[in-house]
Amino acid sequence: MIPPASTLDLMARNGIYAAVQPNFLYNVEGRYLETLEGYRLEHINPISSALERGVFLAFSSDNLPIGPMVGLYTAVSRKGMSGKVYGKEEAVSITDAIRMYTRAGAHLSWDETKKGSLEVGKFADLVVLDHDPLTSDPAELLKTNVDLTIVGGKVLYDRALDQSAIR
């Protein structure tokens, strides 16, 4: 769950990337409480520790049907579903968390020339949210709704119309 410092250093030296699922701290908190304790529990999903050692991280949700707002919330608050904080020093800023879900994710899959940021010539994939994650309290992330989803420049969802798969 938390690699030794020597492993993180080896990863950084050799350009080994890591995909991290910050949402796990939230939605599998109970399992962590049953199996881990002390330092290992506090530093589950070590985000800042890995970044400080130079490891390239990208966020994802793995195979769980969990939206990225849960991952953003957990990455910045380090709170489990119970509200308990685990290893606050492993938290990152909301800007860094968003970047790890977008630009870093595209880089990890060698797609950074096509996606990961809003630039001319890249896919126009984006969501419009009803809260500004950069200025809202982290707890608001769990209540944030998607107002609009655009993929490839086409609106696929518009909450105002309460329709999905708009073509």
Protein backbone atom coordinates (compact mmCIF):
# COMPACT_ATOMS: atom_id res chain seq x y z
CA MET A 1 0.00 0.00 0.00
CA ILE A 2 2.87 2.37 0.71
CA PRO A 3 6.10 1.48 -1.08
CA PRO A 4 9.35 1.93 0.81
CA ALA A 5 11.26 5.16 0.12
CA SER A 6 13.84 3.15 -1.82
CA THR A 7 11.12 1.93 -4.21
CA LEU A 8 9.76 5.45 -4.70
CA ASP A 9 13.31 6.67 -5.40
CA LEU A 10 13.83 3.84 -7.90
CA MET A 11 10.57 4.74 -9.63
CA ALA A 12 11.57 8.41 -9.86
CA ARG A 13 15.08 7.60 -11.15
CA ASN A 14 13.76 5.27 -13.85
CA GLY A 15 10.75 7.32 -14.92
CA ILE A 16 8.24 4.73 -13.71
CA TYR A 17 4.78 6.25 -13.55
CA ALA A 18 2.06 5.35 -11.07
CA ALA A 19 -1.72 5.47 -11.35
CA VAL A 20 -3.25 6.25 -7.97
CA GLN A 21 -6.86 5.92 -6.88
CA PRO A 22 -7.41 8.49 -4.12
CA ASN A 23 -11.11 7.52 -3.92
CA PHE A 24 -10.12 4.20 -2.33
CA LEU A 25 -9.44 5.95 0.97
CA TYR A 26 -13.06 7.05 0.93
CA ASN A 27 -14.96 4.05 -0.38
CA VAL A 28 -12.85 1.19 1.03
CA GLU A 29 -11.99 2.88 4.32
CA GLY A 30 -13.54 0.00 6.28
CA ARG A 31 -11.27 -2.56 4.66
CA TYR A 32 -8.23 -0.40 5.40
CA LEU A 33 -9.29 -0.11 9.05
CA GLU A 34 -9.58 -3.91 9.27
CA THR A 35 -6.19 -4.65 7.72
CA LEU A 36 -3.86 -1.72 8.40
CA GLU A 37 -2.72 0.25 11.41
CA GLY A 38 -0.37 3.03 12.44
CA TYR A 39 1.84 4.53 9.77
CA ARG A 40 0.58 2.18 7.06
CA LEU A 41 -3.02 3.25 7.66
CA GLU A 42 -2.18 6.95 7.90
CA HIS A 43 -0.20 6.90 4.67
CA ILE A 44 -2.44 4.72 2.52
CA ASN A 45 -2.31 6.01 -1.07
CA PRO A 46 0.78 8.15 -0.40
CA ILE A 47 0.32 11.04 -2.80
CA SER A 48 2.55 13.81 -1.47
CA SER A 49 5.26 11.38 -0.34
CA ALA A 50 5.53 10.00 -3.87
CA LEU A 51 5.43 13.44 -5.51
CA GLU A 52 8.12 14.78 -3.17
CA ARG A 53 10.39 11.91 -4.22
CA GLY A 54 9.81 12.75 -7.91
CA VAL A 55 7.38 9.99 -8.87
CA PHE A 56 4.99 10.91 -11.67
CA LEU A 57 1.40 10.28 -10.54
CA ALA A 58 -1.88 10.23 -12.40
CA PHE A 59 -5.25 9.80 -10.73
CA SER A 60 -7.95 7.39 -11.78
CA SER A 61 -10.90 5.64 -10.18
CA ASP A 62 -9.75 2.13 -11.17
CA ASN A 63 -12.66 -0.19 -11.89
CA LEU A 64 -15.04 1.08 -9.22
CA PRO A 65 -18.03 3.08 -10.47
CA ILE A 66 -16.94 6.12 -8.48
CA GLY A 67 -16.95 9.60 -10.01
CA PRO A 68 -13.83 11.74 -9.86
CA MET A 69 -15.41 14.17 -7.38
CA VAL A 70 -14.94 11.57 -4.64
CA GLY A 71 -11.30 11.21 -5.65
CA LEU A 72 -10.80 14.97 -5.72
CA TYR A 73 -12.41 15.30 -2.29
CA THR A 74 -10.26 12.56 -0.79
CA ALA A 75 -7.05 13.81 -2.41
CA VAL A 76 -7.47 17.28 -0.89
CA SER A 77 -9.08 16.35 2.43
CA ARG A 78 -7.64 12.87 3.12
CA LYS A 79 -11.00 12.03 4.71
CA GLY A 80 -12.61 8.63 4.63
CA MET A 81 -16.35 8.13 4.41
CA SER A 82 -16.49 8.34 8.22
CA GLY A 83 -15.00 11.84 8.13
CA LYS A 84 -11.75 10.70 9.79
CA VAL A 85 -8.60 12.27 8.34
CA TYR A 86 -5.77 9.92 7.38
CA GLY A 87 -2.25 11.29 6.87
CA LYS A 88 -3.16 14.94 6.25
CA GLU A 89 0.39 15.53 5.03
CA GLU A 90 -0.39 13.30 2.01
CA ALA A 91 -3.05 15.78 0.79
CA VAL A 92 -2.55 17.83 -2.37
CA SER A 93 -4.08 21.09 -3.57
CA ILE A 94 -7.25 21.00 -5.63
CA THR A 95 -5.29 22.36 -8.59
CA ASP A 96 -2.79 19.51 -8.38
CA ALA A 97 -5.58 16.95 -7.93
CA ILE A 98 -7.41 18.19 -11.03
CA ARG A 99 -4.17 18.17 -12.99
CA MET A 100 -3.49 14.56 -11.94
CA TYR A 101 -6.95 13.52 -13.16
CA THR A 102 -6.60 15.35 -16.49
CA ARG A 103 -3.20 16.29 -17.87
CA ALA A 104 -1.28 13.60 -15.96
CA GLY A 105 -3.78 10.94 -16.97
CA ALA A 106 -3.37 11.84 -20.63
CA HIS A 107 0.42 11.78 -20.26
CA LEU A 108 0.29 8.37 -18.57
CA SER A 109 -1.52 6.93 -21.61
CA TRP A 110 0.70 8.80 -24.12
CA ASP A 111 -2.28 10.88 -25.26
CA GLU A 112 -1.10 14.30 -24.10
CA THR A 113 -1.05 15.66 -27.67
CA LYS A 114 -4.78 14.83 -28.01
CA LYS A 115 -6.28 15.38 -24.56
CA GLY A 116 -5.67 16.35 -20.94
CA SER A 117 -5.90 20.11 -21.38
CA LEU A 118 -8.07 22.54 -23.30
CA GLU A 119 -6.00 23.65 -26.27
CA VAL A 120 -6.54 24.21 -29.96
CA GLY A 121 -6.28 20.91 -31.82
CA LYS A 122 -7.11 18.71 -28.85
CA PHE A 123 -10.35 16.86 -28.15
CA ALA A 124 -12.99 19.13 -26.68
CA ASP A 125 -13.91 16.78 -23.84
CA LEU A 126 -15.07 18.60 -20.72
CA VAL A 127 -17.68 18.94 -18.03
CA VAL A 128 -19.34 22.03 -16.64
CA LEU A 129 -19.96 21.77 -12.90
CA ASP A 130 -22.44 23.54 -10.64
CA HIS A 131 -19.69 24.38 -8.11
CA ASP A 132 -16.25 25.80 -8.73
CA PRO A 133 -13.90 23.16 -7.29
CA LEU A 134 -11.06 25.70 -7.13
CA THR A 135 -12.90 27.98 -4.69
CA SER A 136 -15.46 25.73 -2.98
CA ASP A 137 -15.01 24.05 0.36
CA PRO A 138 -13.73 20.49 -0.28
CA ALA A 139 -16.92 19.02 1.24
CA GLU A 140 -18.86 20.65 -1.63
CA LEU A 141 -17.04 18.35 -4.06
CA LEU A 142 -19.19 15.45 -2.84
CA LYS A 143 -22.34 17.44 -3.66
CA THR A 144 -21.15 18.76 -7.02
CA ASN A 145 -23.34 18.01 -10.01
CA VAL A 146 -22.37 17.88 -13.66
CA ASP A 147 -24.42 20.46 -15.57
CA LEU A 148 -23.05 19.72 -19.03
CA THR A 149 -20.87 17.03 -20.62
CA ILE A 150 -19.14 17.65 -23.94
CA VAL A 151 -17.18 14.92 -25.72
CA GLY A 152 -15.47 15.52 -29.02
CA GLY A 153 -17.12 18.91 -29.19
CA LYS A 154 -20.65 17.44 -28.94
CA VAL A 155 -23.01 17.89 -26.00
CA LEU A 156 -23.75 14.43 -24.58
CA TYR A 157 -25.51 15.54 -21.42
CA ASP A 158 -27.31 18.70 -20.36
CA ARG A 159 -28.72 18.63 -16.84
CA ALA A 160 -30.97 21.62 -17.61
CA LEU A 161 -32.73 19.44 -20.14
CA ASP A 162 -32.37 16.35 -17.91
CA GLN A 163 -31.28 14.38 -20.94
CA SER A 164 -28.33 12.21 -21.71
CA ALA A 165 -27.08 11.09 -25.07
CA ILE A 166 -28.13 14.34 -26.74
CA ARG A 167 -26.86 14.18 -30.29
